[in-house]
Amino acid sequence: MKINEIHPNIITPFNQDNISFNKNSKITDGLIAKLSIKEERTLQDAYVKSSEYQNDIYSRDNIINQLKASEQQRIESFQKMIQDLIFKQTDGYKLSISDGSKISLVGINVTQETIDSAKVAISEDGEYGINAVADRIMNMAKALARGDNSKLELLRNAVSKGFGYVENLYGDNYPEVCKDTYSEVMNRFDEWQKSMDDSLEEALKLP
């Protein structure tokens, strides 16, 4: 019997696959036993490595890092959303003060109707007015907090960065309505903080 027939995984030296052994010989039995032990150890090593890999995936530190990364992604998305809102508010303001001849916005046909719509949009009760934009930002901030008030400062900083990004781009041309919107949002964060402090104070008074 050829050695390759005994065990298909063994490689004979110099491709001498014509070496034969008696199946009942002690040499053959010993060879098979050694190969079996080697395979068993290989499988055990593979299992240990796989187990170590799985343990690493579900380790406490790894889970914490994944949660932090997920939260960071949500905060960055929140910040990006704020930027988009303020860009639209800024465009609305630019349209509202335009006569249609000195403005160019991509994808917008500037007509008198467009200008009138922009004026309504950034008005006190408009879609991109101070209150409406502040409402959207605060609603999303509280949704992201998920009842965890300790995230207040993290969210407040994200708002500041979002507004600051747009303000830096526009420089001196940054509209007053955007500045007023930022002030309104910060006031609402202050109110949120005060409600937290009041709740804590009330809780401490309980017997």
N, C-alpha and C. Protein backbone atom coordinates (compact mmCIF):
# COMPACT_ATOMS: atom_id res chain seq x y z
N MET A 1 0.84 -1.20 0.00
CA MET A 1 0.00 0.00 0.00
C MET A 1 0.87 1.24 0.00
N LYS A 2 0.52 2.25 -0.83
CA LYS A 2 1.30 3.47 -0.91
C LYS A 2 1.04 4.36 0.29
N ILE A 3 2.07 5.09 0.67
CA ILE A 3 1.93 5.95 1.85
C ILE A 3 0.87 7.02 1.65
N ASN A 4 0.70 7.50 0.42
CA ASN A 4 -0.31 8.54 0.14
C ASN A 4 -1.72 7.99 0.31
N GLU A 5 -1.86 6.69 0.17
CA GLU A 5 -3.16 6.09 0.35
C GLU A 5 -3.50 5.96 1.82
N ILE A 6 -2.46 5.85 2.66
CA ILE A 6 -2.69 5.78 4.10
C ILE A 6 -3.23 7.09 4.62
N HIS A 7 -2.60 8.13 4.18
CA HIS A 7 -3.05 9.47 4.60
C HIS A 7 -2.81 10.45 3.48
N PRO A 8 -3.84 11.06 2.94
CA PRO A 8 -3.71 11.91 1.75
C PRO A 8 -2.93 13.19 2.00
N ASN A 9 -2.77 13.60 3.26
CA ASN A 9 -2.13 14.88 3.54
C ASN A 9 -0.62 14.80 3.67
N ILE A 10 -0.06 13.61 3.71
CA ILE A 10 1.38 13.49 3.88
C ILE A 10 2.10 13.67 2.55
N ILE A 11 3.21 14.35 2.58
CA ILE A 11 4.02 14.57 1.38
C ILE A 11 5.30 13.77 1.53
N THR A 12 5.53 12.84 0.63
CA THR A 12 6.73 12.02 0.72
C THR A 12 7.92 12.76 0.18
N PRO A 13 9.13 12.49 0.70
CA PRO A 13 10.33 13.21 0.25
C PRO A 13 10.64 12.92 -1.20
N PHE A 14 11.01 13.95 -1.93
CA PHE A 14 11.42 13.83 -3.33
C PHE A 14 10.33 13.18 -4.18
N ASN A 15 9.03 13.39 -3.76
CA ASN A 15 7.88 12.86 -4.51
C ASN A 15 7.91 11.34 -4.63
N GLN A 16 8.46 10.68 -3.64
CA GLN A 16 8.55 9.22 -3.69
C GLN A 16 7.24 8.61 -3.20
N ASP A 17 6.17 8.78 -3.98
CA ASP A 17 4.89 8.26 -3.57
C ASP A 17 4.73 6.77 -3.87
N ASN A 18 5.82 6.19 -4.38
CA ASN A 18 5.76 4.76 -4.66
C ASN A 18 6.23 3.91 -3.49
N ILE A 19 6.56 4.56 -2.35
CA ILE A 19 6.97 3.82 -1.16
C ILE A 19 5.75 3.10 -0.61
N SER A 20 5.87 1.85 -0.32
CA SER A 20 4.74 1.05 0.15
C SER A 20 5.03 0.46 1.51
N PHE A 21 3.95 0.25 2.27
CA PHE A 21 4.05 -0.35 3.60
C PHE A 21 2.99 -1.42 3.73
N ASN A 22 3.28 -2.33 4.54
CA ASN A 22 2.28 -3.33 4.88
C ASN A 22 1.29 -2.70 5.85
N LYS A 23 0.03 -2.78 5.54
CA LYS A 23 -0.99 -2.11 6.35
C LYS A 23 -0.98 -2.61 7.78
N ASN A 24 -0.58 -3.82 7.98
CA ASN A 24 -0.60 -4.40 9.33
C ASN A 24 0.72 -4.24 10.07
N SER A 25 1.70 -3.60 9.45
CA SER A 25 3.01 -3.48 10.08
C SER A 25 2.99 -2.47 11.20
N LYS A 26 3.94 -2.58 12.13
CA LYS A 26 4.05 -1.64 13.24
C LYS A 26 4.44 -0.26 12.74
N ILE A 27 5.24 -0.23 11.68
CA ILE A 27 5.66 1.06 11.13
C ILE A 27 4.46 1.84 10.63
N THR A 28 3.60 1.12 9.91
CA THR A 28 2.39 1.77 9.39
C THR A 28 1.51 2.24 10.52
N ASP A 29 1.29 1.40 11.51
CA ASP A 29 0.44 1.78 12.65
C ASP A 29 1.00 3.00 13.37
N GLY A 30 2.31 3.01 13.54
CA GLY A 30 2.94 4.15 14.22
C GLY A 30 2.80 5.42 13.43
N LEU A 31 2.96 5.32 12.12
CA LEU A 31 2.84 6.49 11.25
C LEU A 31 1.44 7.07 11.30
N ILE A 32 0.44 6.19 11.22
CA ILE A 32 -0.95 6.65 11.28
C ILE A 32 -1.25 7.31 12.62
N ALA A 33 -0.73 6.71 13.71
CA ALA A 33 -0.95 7.26 15.04
C ALA A 33 -0.36 8.65 15.15
N LYS A 34 0.86 8.82 14.62
CA LYS A 34 1.50 10.14 14.68
C LYS A 34 0.73 11.17 13.88
N LEU A 35 0.26 10.76 12.71
CA LEU A 35 -0.51 11.68 11.87
C LEU A 35 -1.81 12.08 12.53
N SER A 36 -2.45 11.12 13.20
CA SER A 36 -3.71 11.40 13.89
C SER A 36 -3.51 12.39 15.01
N ILE A 37 -2.42 12.18 15.78
CA ILE A 37 -2.10 13.10 16.87
C ILE A 37 -1.83 14.50 16.34
N LYS A 38 -1.10 14.57 15.22
CA LYS A 38 -0.77 15.87 14.63
C LYS A 38 -2.03 16.60 14.19
N GLU A 39 -2.96 15.85 13.55
CA GLU A 39 -4.21 16.46 13.10
C GLU A 39 -5.02 16.95 14.28
N GLU A 40 -5.08 16.15 15.33
CA GLU A 40 -5.86 16.52 16.51
C GLU A 40 -5.31 17.80 17.13
N ARG A 41 -3.98 17.90 17.22
CA ARG A 41 -3.36 19.11 17.77
C ARG A 41 -3.63 20.32 16.90
N THR A 42 -3.58 20.09 15.57
CA THR A 42 -3.86 21.19 14.63
C THR A 42 -5.27 21.71 14.82
N LEU A 43 -6.22 20.78 14.95
CA LEU A 43 -7.61 21.16 15.16
C LEU A 43 -7.78 21.89 16.49
N GLN A 44 -7.08 21.40 17.53
CA GLN A 44 -7.16 22.05 18.84
C GLN A 44 -6.61 23.47 18.78
N ASP A 45 -5.47 23.62 18.09
CA ASP A 45 -4.87 24.95 17.94
C ASP A 45 -5.82 25.89 17.21
N ALA A 46 -6.45 25.37 16.15
CA ALA A 46 -7.39 26.20 15.37
C ALA A 46 -8.56 26.62 16.24
N TYR A 47 -9.04 25.67 17.07
CA TYR A 47 -10.17 25.99 17.94
C TYR A 47 -9.79 27.05 18.96
N VAL A 48 -8.59 26.89 19.55
CA VAL A 48 -8.12 27.87 20.55
C VAL A 48 -8.00 29.25 19.93
N LYS A 49 -7.40 29.30 18.71
CA LYS A 49 -7.24 30.59 18.04
C LYS A 49 -8.59 31.21 17.72
N SER A 50 -9.54 30.37 17.27
CA SER A 50 -10.87 30.85 16.95
C SER A 50 -11.56 31.36 18.21
N SER A 51 -11.40 30.61 19.31
CA SER A 51 -12.01 31.03 20.57
C SER A 51 -11.44 32.34 21.05
N GLU A 52 -10.11 32.46 20.93
CA GLU A 52 -9.46 33.71 21.35
C GLU A 52 -9.97 34.88 20.52
N TYR A 53 -10.17 34.64 19.21
CA TYR A 53 -10.68 35.70 18.31
C TYR A 53 -12.09 36.11 18.71
N GLN A 54 -12.94 35.09 19.00
CA GLN A 54 -14.32 35.39 19.40
C GLN A 54 -14.33 36.15 20.73
N ASN A 55 -13.47 35.72 21.65
CA ASN A 55 -13.41 36.40 22.95
C ASN A 55 -12.98 37.84 22.79
N ASP A 56 -12.05 38.06 21.82
CA ASP A 56 -11.58 39.42 21.58
C ASP A 56 -12.70 40.30 21.04
N ILE A 57 -13.53 39.71 20.13
CA ILE A 57 -14.64 40.47 19.54
C ILE A 57 -15.62 40.91 20.62
N TYR A 58 -15.92 40.00 21.56
CA TYR A 58 -16.92 40.29 22.57
C TYR A 58 -16.32 40.72 23.91
N SER A 59 -15.07 41.14 23.88
CA SER A 59 -14.46 41.61 25.11
C SER A 59 -15.09 42.93 25.53
N ARG A 60 -15.00 43.23 26.81
CA ARG A 60 -15.61 44.44 27.35
C ARG A 60 -15.05 45.69 26.68
N ASP A 61 -13.73 45.74 26.54
CA ASP A 61 -13.10 46.92 25.94
C ASP A 61 -13.53 47.11 24.48
N ASN A 62 -13.63 45.99 23.76
CA ASN A 62 -14.00 46.08 22.36
C ASN A 62 -15.44 46.58 22.21
N ILE A 63 -16.33 46.08 23.06
CA ILE A 63 -17.73 46.52 23.01
C ILE A 63 -17.84 48.00 23.35
N ILE A 64 -17.09 48.44 24.36
CA ILE A 64 -17.11 49.85 24.74
C ILE A 64 -16.61 50.72 23.59
N ASN A 65 -15.55 50.27 22.92
CA ASN A 65 -15.00 51.03 21.79
C ASN A 65 -16.00 51.12 20.64
N GLN A 66 -16.73 50.01 20.40
CA GLN A 66 -17.73 50.01 19.35
C GLN A 66 -18.87 50.97 19.67
N LEU A 67 -19.27 51.00 20.94
CA LEU A 67 -20.34 51.91 21.36
C LEU A 67 -19.92 53.36 21.22
N LYS A 68 -18.66 53.63 21.59
CA LYS A 68 -18.14 54.99 21.46
C LYS A 68 -18.08 55.42 20.00
N ALA A 69 -17.64 54.52 19.14
CA ALA A 69 -17.57 54.84 17.72
C ALA A 69 -18.95 55.09 17.14
N SER A 70 -19.93 54.30 17.58
CA SER A 70 -21.30 54.47 17.10
C SER A 70 -21.86 55.81 17.56
N GLU A 71 -21.59 56.17 18.81
CA GLU A 71 -22.07 57.44 19.32
C GLU A 71 -21.41 58.61 18.59
N GLN A 72 -20.12 58.47 18.31
CA GLN A 72 -19.40 59.52 17.59
C GLN A 72 -19.98 59.72 16.20
N GLN A 73 -20.37 58.64 15.55
CA GLN A 73 -20.99 58.74 14.22
C GLN A 73 -22.31 59.48 14.29
N ARG A 74 -23.09 59.21 15.33
CA ARG A 74 -24.38 59.91 15.49
C ARG A 74 -24.17 61.40 15.73
N ILE A 75 -23.17 61.72 16.54
CA ILE A 75 -22.88 63.13 16.81
C ILE A 75 -22.43 63.85 15.55
N GLU A 76 -21.59 63.19 14.76
CA GLU A 76 -21.12 63.79 13.51
C GLU A 76 -22.27 63.99 12.52
N SER A 77 -23.20 63.04 12.48
CA SER A 77 -24.37 63.18 11.61
C SER A 77 -25.25 64.33 12.07
N PHE A 78 -25.39 64.47 13.37
CA PHE A 78 -26.15 65.57 13.96
C PHE A 78 -25.52 66.91 13.58
N GLN A 79 -24.22 66.98 13.70
CA GLN A 79 -23.49 68.20 13.35
C GLN A 79 -23.65 68.54 11.87
N LYS A 80 -23.60 67.52 11.02
CA LYS A 80 -23.77 67.72 9.58
C LYS A 80 -25.19 68.21 9.27
N MET A 81 -26.17 67.67 9.96
CA MET A 81 -27.54 68.08 9.75
C MET A 81 -27.74 69.56 10.11
N ILE A 82 -27.08 69.98 11.19
CA ILE A 82 -27.15 71.39 11.60
C ILE A 82 -26.55 72.27 10.52
N GLN A 83 -25.42 71.86 9.99
CA GLN A 83 -24.79 72.63 8.91
C GLN A 83 -25.73 72.80 7.73
N ASP A 84 -26.40 71.70 7.34
CA ASP A 84 -27.32 71.75 6.22
C ASP A 84 -28.48 72.71 6.49
N LEU A 85 -29.00 72.67 7.70
CA LEU A 85 -30.09 73.58 8.07
C LEU A 85 -29.67 75.04 7.97
N ILE A 86 -28.48 75.33 8.48
CA ILE A 86 -28.02 76.72 8.49
C ILE A 86 -27.64 77.18 7.09
N PHE A 87 -27.14 76.28 6.26
CA PHE A 87 -26.89 76.64 4.86
C PHE A 87 -28.21 77.04 4.18
N LYS A 88 -29.25 76.28 4.42
CA LYS A 88 -30.56 76.58 3.82
C LYS A 88 -31.12 77.89 4.36
N GLN A 89 -30.91 78.10 5.64
CA GLN A 89 -31.37 79.35 6.24
C GLN A 89 -30.62 80.53 5.63
N THR A 90 -29.33 80.34 5.43
CA THR A 90 -28.50 81.39 4.82
C THR A 90 -28.93 81.67 3.38
N ASP A 91 -29.16 80.60 2.62
CA ASP A 91 -29.61 80.78 1.23
C ASP A 91 -30.97 81.49 1.19
N GLY A 92 -31.82 81.13 2.12
CA GLY A 92 -33.13 81.79 2.19
C GLY A 92 -32.99 83.28 2.46
N TYR A 93 -32.07 83.60 3.35
CA TYR A 93 -31.84 85.01 3.67
C TYR A 93 -31.31 85.75 2.44
N LYS A 94 -30.34 85.14 1.75
CA LYS A 94 -29.75 85.78 0.56
C LYS A 94 -30.81 86.03 -0.50
N LEU A 95 -31.71 85.06 -0.66
CA LEU A 95 -32.80 85.23 -1.63
C LEU A 95 -33.78 86.31 -1.19
N SER A 96 -34.05 86.36 0.09
CA SER A 96 -35.07 87.29 0.59
C SER A 96 -34.68 88.75 0.43
N ILE A 97 -33.38 89.03 0.39
CA ILE A 97 -32.95 90.43 0.26
C ILE A 97 -32.49 90.74 -1.17
N SER A 98 -32.71 89.79 -2.07
CA SER A 98 -32.24 89.96 -3.44
C SER A 98 -33.33 90.54 -4.34
N ASP A 99 -32.88 91.23 -5.38
CA ASP A 99 -33.82 91.68 -6.39
C ASP A 99 -33.79 90.73 -7.59
N GLY A 100 -33.02 89.62 -7.44
CA GLY A 100 -32.96 88.61 -8.48
C GLY A 100 -31.84 88.81 -9.48
N SER A 101 -31.17 89.93 -9.43
CA SER A 101 -30.14 90.21 -10.44
C SER A 101 -28.72 90.03 -9.92
N LYS A 102 -28.57 89.94 -8.60
CA LYS A 102 -27.21 89.88 -8.03
C LYS A 102 -27.00 88.63 -7.19
N ILE A 103 -27.70 87.56 -7.56
CA ILE A 103 -27.56 86.33 -6.78
C ILE A 103 -27.57 85.13 -7.71
N SER A 104 -26.80 84.13 -7.34
CA SER A 104 -26.73 82.91 -8.14
C SER A 104 -26.66 81.72 -7.20
N LEU A 105 -27.71 80.94 -7.20
CA LEU A 105 -27.75 79.74 -6.38
C LEU A 105 -27.95 78.53 -7.29
N VAL A 106 -27.13 77.51 -7.09
CA VAL A 106 -27.18 76.32 -7.94
C VAL A 106 -28.55 75.67 -7.87
N GLY A 107 -29.14 75.42 -9.01
CA GLY A 107 -30.41 74.71 -9.08
C GLY A 107 -31.63 75.56 -8.76
N ILE A 108 -31.46 76.87 -8.57
CA ILE A 108 -32.59 77.73 -8.23
C ILE A 108 -32.77 78.79 -9.31
N ASN A 109 -33.99 78.83 -9.85
CA ASN A 109 -34.34 79.87 -10.80
C ASN A 109 -34.89 81.06 -10.02
N VAL A 110 -34.09 82.12 -9.92
CA VAL A 110 -34.47 83.26 -9.07
C VAL A 110 -35.51 84.12 -9.78
N THR A 111 -36.72 84.00 -9.28
CA THR A 111 -37.81 84.82 -9.78
C THR A 111 -38.38 85.59 -8.60
N GLN A 112 -39.29 86.49 -8.87
CA GLN A 112 -39.90 87.25 -7.79
C GLN A 112 -40.68 86.32 -6.85
N GLU A 113 -41.27 85.29 -7.44
CA GLU A 113 -41.99 84.31 -6.63
C GLU A 113 -41.04 83.59 -5.68
N THR A 114 -39.86 83.24 -6.18
CA THR A 114 -38.85 82.58 -5.35
C THR A 114 -38.41 83.48 -4.21
N ILE A 115 -38.20 84.74 -4.52
CA ILE A 115 -37.79 85.71 -3.50
C ILE A 115 -38.86 85.86 -2.43
N ASP A 116 -40.12 85.95 -2.86
CA ASP A 116 -41.22 86.09 -1.90
C ASP A 116 -41.34 84.85 -1.01
N SER A 117 -41.13 83.67 -1.60
CA SER A 117 -41.18 82.42 -0.83
C SER A 117 -40.06 82.36 0.20
N ALA A 118 -38.90 82.87 -0.17
CA ALA A 118 -37.76 82.89 0.74
C ALA A 118 -38.03 83.80 1.93
N LYS A 119 -38.67 84.92 1.68
CA LYS A 119 -39.01 85.85 2.76
C LYS A 119 -39.94 85.18 3.78
N VAL A 120 -40.90 84.42 3.25
CA VAL A 120 -41.83 83.71 4.13
C VAL A 120 -41.09 82.62 4.91
N ALA A 121 -40.19 81.91 4.22
CA ALA A 121 -39.48 80.79 4.83
C ALA A 121 -38.63 81.19 6.02
N ILE A 122 -38.01 82.37 5.96
CA ILE A 122 -37.14 82.77 7.09
C ILE A 122 -37.84 83.73 8.04
N SER A 123 -39.13 83.94 7.84
CA SER A 123 -39.88 84.82 8.74
C SER A 123 -40.04 84.14 10.10
N GLU A 124 -40.63 84.83 11.03
CA GLU A 124 -40.76 84.33 12.41
C GLU A 124 -41.45 82.96 12.46
N ASP A 125 -42.45 82.77 11.64
CA ASP A 125 -43.19 81.51 11.63
C ASP A 125 -42.86 80.64 10.42
N GLY A 126 -41.80 80.99 9.71
CA GLY A 126 -41.45 80.27 8.49
C GLY A 126 -40.71 78.97 8.74
N GLU A 127 -40.57 78.17 7.69
CA GLU A 127 -39.92 76.86 7.77
C GLU A 127 -38.47 76.96 8.20
N TYR A 128 -37.80 78.05 7.80
CA TYR A 128 -36.40 78.24 8.18
C TYR A 128 -36.23 79.49 9.04
N GLY A 129 -37.29 79.83 9.74
CA GLY A 129 -37.21 80.92 10.70
C GLY A 129 -36.48 80.48 11.96
N ILE A 130 -36.23 81.41 12.84
CA ILE A 130 -35.46 81.13 14.07
C ILE A 130 -36.09 80.02 14.89
N ASN A 131 -37.38 80.13 15.16
CA ASN A 131 -38.04 79.14 16.03
C ASN A 131 -38.10 77.76 15.39
N ALA A 132 -38.43 77.72 14.10
CA ALA A 132 -38.56 76.42 13.43
C ALA A 132 -37.23 75.67 13.40
N VAL A 133 -36.15 76.37 13.08
CA VAL A 133 -34.83 75.73 13.03
C VAL A 133 -34.39 75.31 14.43
N ALA A 134 -34.64 76.18 15.41
CA ALA A 134 -34.27 75.85 16.79
C ALA A 134 -35.06 74.63 17.27
N ASP A 135 -36.34 74.55 16.89
CA ASP A 135 -37.17 73.40 17.28
C ASP A 135 -36.58 72.10 16.72
N ARG A 136 -36.20 72.12 15.45
CA ARG A 136 -35.66 70.92 14.82
C ARG A 136 -34.38 70.47 15.52
N ILE A 137 -33.51 71.43 15.77
CA ILE A 137 -32.22 71.10 16.39
C ILE A 137 -32.42 70.51 17.78
N MET A 138 -33.28 71.13 18.57
CA MET A 138 -33.48 70.65 19.94
C MET A 138 -34.21 69.31 19.97
N ASN A 139 -35.15 69.12 19.07
CA ASN A 139 -35.85 67.83 19.02
C ASN A 139 -34.88 66.70 18.71
N MET A 140 -33.97 66.94 17.79
CA MET A 140 -33.01 65.91 17.44
C MET A 140 -31.98 65.72 18.56
N ALA A 141 -31.60 66.80 19.21
CA ALA A 141 -30.64 66.70 20.31
C ALA A 141 -31.22 65.83 21.43
N LYS A 142 -32.48 66.04 21.76
CA LYS A 142 -33.10 65.26 22.85
C LYS A 142 -33.35 63.82 22.43
N ALA A 143 -33.59 63.62 21.14
CA ALA A 143 -33.75 62.25 20.65
C ALA A 143 -32.42 61.50 20.74
N LEU A 144 -31.33 62.18 20.44
CA LEU A 144 -30.01 61.57 20.52
C LEU A 144 -29.62 61.30 21.98
N ALA A 145 -30.04 62.17 22.88
CA ALA A 145 -29.71 62.00 24.31
C ALA A 145 -30.38 60.76 24.87
N ARG A 146 -31.56 60.40 24.36
CA ARG A 146 -32.30 59.22 24.81
C ARG A 146 -32.50 59.22 26.32
N GLY A 147 -32.80 60.38 26.85
CA GLY A 147 -33.05 60.48 28.28
C GLY A 147 -31.81 60.59 29.13
N ASP A 148 -30.64 60.51 28.51
CA ASP A 148 -29.38 60.62 29.25
C ASP A 148 -28.94 62.08 29.23
N ASN A 149 -29.27 62.80 30.27
CA ASN A 149 -28.98 64.24 30.32
C ASN A 149 -27.49 64.54 30.43
N SER A 150 -26.69 63.53 30.72
CA SER A 150 -25.24 63.75 30.81
C SER A 150 -24.65 64.07 29.43
N LYS A 151 -25.41 63.79 28.37
CA LYS A 151 -24.93 64.06 27.01
C LYS A 151 -25.22 65.50 26.58
N LEU A 152 -25.78 66.29 27.45
CA LEU A 152 -26.16 67.67 27.09
C LEU A 152 -24.98 68.46 26.55
N GLU A 153 -23.88 68.46 27.25
CA GLU A 153 -22.72 69.25 26.82
C GLU A 153 -22.13 68.74 25.51
N LEU A 154 -22.14 67.44 25.33
CA LEU A 154 -21.64 66.85 24.09
C LEU A 154 -22.47 67.35 22.91
N LEU A 155 -23.78 67.38 23.09
CA LEU A 155 -24.69 67.83 22.04
C LEU A 155 -24.58 69.34 21.83
N ARG A 156 -24.43 70.06 22.91
CA ARG A 156 -24.27 71.52 22.81
C ARG A 156 -23.02 71.86 21.99
N ASN A 157 -21.94 71.13 22.25
CA ASN A 157 -20.70 71.37 21.50
C ASN A 157 -20.87 71.04 20.02
N ALA A 158 -21.63 70.00 19.72
CA ALA A 158 -21.89 69.64 18.33
C ALA A 158 -22.65 70.76 17.62
N VAL A 159 -23.58 71.37 18.31
CA VAL A 159 -24.34 72.50 17.75
C VAL A 159 -23.41 73.67 17.47
N SER A 160 -22.56 73.98 18.42
CA SER A 160 -21.63 75.10 18.26
C SER A 160 -20.71 74.88 17.07
N LYS A 161 -20.24 73.64 16.91
CA LYS A 161 -19.35 73.34 15.78
C LYS A 161 -20.10 73.45 14.45
N GLY A 162 -21.36 72.98 14.45
CA GLY A 162 -22.15 73.05 13.23
C GLY A 162 -22.39 74.48 12.77
N PHE A 163 -22.80 75.33 13.67
CA PHE A 163 -22.99 76.74 13.35
C PHE A 163 -21.67 77.41 13.00
N GLY A 164 -20.64 77.08 13.78
CA GLY A 164 -19.33 77.71 13.57
C GLY A 164 -18.76 77.40 12.20
N TYR A 165 -18.99 76.19 11.71
CA TYR A 165 -18.49 75.80 10.40
C TYR A 165 -19.06 76.71 9.31
N VAL A 166 -20.37 76.94 9.35
CA VAL A 166 -21.03 77.79 8.34
C VAL A 166 -20.60 79.24 8.51
N GLU A 167 -20.50 79.69 9.74
CA GLU A 167 -20.10 81.08 9.99
C GLU A 167 -18.71 81.36 9.45
N ASN A 168 -17.80 80.41 9.63
CA ASN A 168 -16.43 80.60 9.12
C ASN A 168 -16.40 80.70 7.60
N LEU A 169 -17.29 79.95 6.94
CA LEU A 169 -17.34 79.99 5.49
C LEU A 169 -17.84 81.33 4.96
N TYR A 170 -18.83 81.88 5.64
CA TYR A 170 -19.45 83.13 5.16
C TYR A 170 -18.75 84.39 5.68
N GLY A 171 -18.05 84.26 6.78
CA GLY A 171 -17.33 85.42 7.31
C GLY A 171 -18.25 86.60 7.59
N ASP A 172 -17.92 87.75 7.05
CA ASP A 172 -18.71 88.96 7.28
C ASP A 172 -20.10 88.89 6.67
N ASN A 173 -20.31 87.98 5.75
CA ASN A 173 -21.62 87.85 5.09
C ASN A 173 -22.55 86.88 5.81
N TYR A 174 -22.13 86.43 6.99
CA TYR A 174 -22.95 85.51 7.78
C TYR A 174 -24.21 86.24 8.25
N PRO A 175 -25.40 85.75 7.91
CA PRO A 175 -26.64 86.48 8.20
C PRO A 175 -26.96 86.60 9.69
N GLU A 176 -27.59 87.69 10.03
CA GLU A 176 -28.01 87.94 11.41
C GLU A 176 -29.01 86.89 11.88
N VAL A 177 -29.86 86.43 10.96
CA VAL A 177 -30.87 85.44 11.35
C VAL A 177 -30.22 84.15 11.85
N CYS A 178 -29.07 83.79 11.30
CA CYS A 178 -28.36 82.60 11.76
C CYS A 178 -27.77 82.82 13.15
N LYS A 179 -27.26 84.02 13.38
CA LYS A 179 -26.73 84.34 14.71
C LYS A 179 -27.84 84.31 15.76
N ASP A 180 -29.00 84.83 15.38
CA ASP A 180 -30.13 84.83 16.32
C ASP A 180 -30.64 83.41 16.57
N THR A 181 -30.57 82.59 15.55
CA THR A 181 -30.99 81.19 15.71
C THR A 181 -30.04 80.47 16.67
N TYR A 182 -28.76 80.73 16.52
CA TYR A 182 -27.78 80.12 17.42
C TYR A 182 -28.04 80.54 18.86
N SER A 183 -28.31 81.82 19.07
CA SER A 183 -28.58 82.31 20.43
C SER A 183 -29.82 81.64 21.01
N GLU A 184 -30.84 81.45 20.17
CA GLU A 184 -32.07 80.80 20.62
C GLU A 184 -31.80 79.35 21.02
N VAL A 185 -31.01 78.65 20.23
CA VAL A 185 -30.70 77.26 20.54
C VAL A 185 -29.90 77.16 21.84
N MET A 186 -28.94 78.05 22.03
CA MET A 186 -28.15 78.04 23.26
C MET A 186 -29.02 78.36 24.48
N ASN A 187 -29.99 79.25 24.30
CA ASN A 187 -30.91 79.55 25.40
C ASN A 187 -31.71 78.30 25.78
N ARG A 188 -32.09 77.54 24.77
CA ARG A 188 -32.86 76.33 25.05
C ARG A 188 -32.00 75.26 25.72
N PHE A 189 -30.74 75.21 25.37
CA PHE A 189 -29.84 74.31 26.09
C PHE A 189 -29.70 74.74 27.54
N ASP A 190 -29.64 76.04 27.76
CA ASP A 190 -29.57 76.56 29.14
C ASP A 190 -30.82 76.16 29.93
N GLU A 191 -31.97 76.22 29.26
CA GLU A 191 -33.22 75.83 29.92
C GLU A 191 -33.22 74.33 30.22
N TRP A 192 -32.69 73.57 29.31
CA TRP A 192 -32.55 72.12 29.52
C TRP A 192 -31.67 71.85 30.74
N GLN A 193 -30.55 72.55 30.80
CA GLN A 193 -29.63 72.39 31.94
C GLN A 193 -30.31 72.79 33.24
N LYS A 194 -31.08 73.88 33.21
CA LYS A 194 -31.77 74.35 34.42
C LYS A 194 -32.81 73.34 34.89
N SER A 195 -33.52 72.74 33.93
CA SER A 195 -34.52 71.74 34.31
C SER A 195 -33.86 70.53 34.95
N MET A 196 -32.66 70.18 34.47
CA MET A 196 -31.91 69.09 35.08
C MET A 196 -31.51 69.43 36.50
N ASP A 197 -31.00 70.65 36.68
CA ASP A 197 -30.56 71.08 38.00
C ASP A 197 -31.73 71.15 38.98
N ASP A 198 -32.86 71.63 38.48
CA ASP A 198 -34.06 71.73 39.34
C ASP A 198 -34.53 70.34 39.75
N SER A 199 -34.49 69.39 38.80
CA SER A 199 -34.92 68.02 39.10
C SER A 199 -34.01 67.39 40.14
N LEU A 200 -32.71 67.65 40.01
CA LEU A 200 -31.76 67.10 40.97
C LEU A 200 -31.97 67.70 42.35
N GLU A 201 -32.23 69.00 42.37
CA GLU A 201 -32.46 69.68 43.65
C GLU A 201 -33.70 69.14 44.34
N GLU A 202 -34.75 68.89 43.57
CA GLU A 202 -35.97 68.34 44.13
C GLU A 202 -35.74 66.93 44.66
N ALA A 203 -34.94 66.15 43.92
CA ALA A 203 -34.65 64.78 44.32
C ALA A 203 -33.87 64.75 45.64
N LEU A 204 -32.98 65.72 45.82
CA LEU A 204 -32.19 65.77 47.05
C LEU A 204 -33.01 66.16 48.25
N LYS A 205 -34.14 66.81 48.03
CA LYS A 205 -35.01 67.24 49.12
C LYS A 205 -35.85 66.10 49.66
N LEU A 206 -35.97 65.02 48.84
CA LEU A 206 -36.81 63.90 49.26
C LEU A 206 -36.20 63.21 50.49
N PRO A 207 -37.04 62.81 51.44
CA PRO A 207 -36.53 62.12 52.66
C PRO A 207 -35.95 60.76 52.34
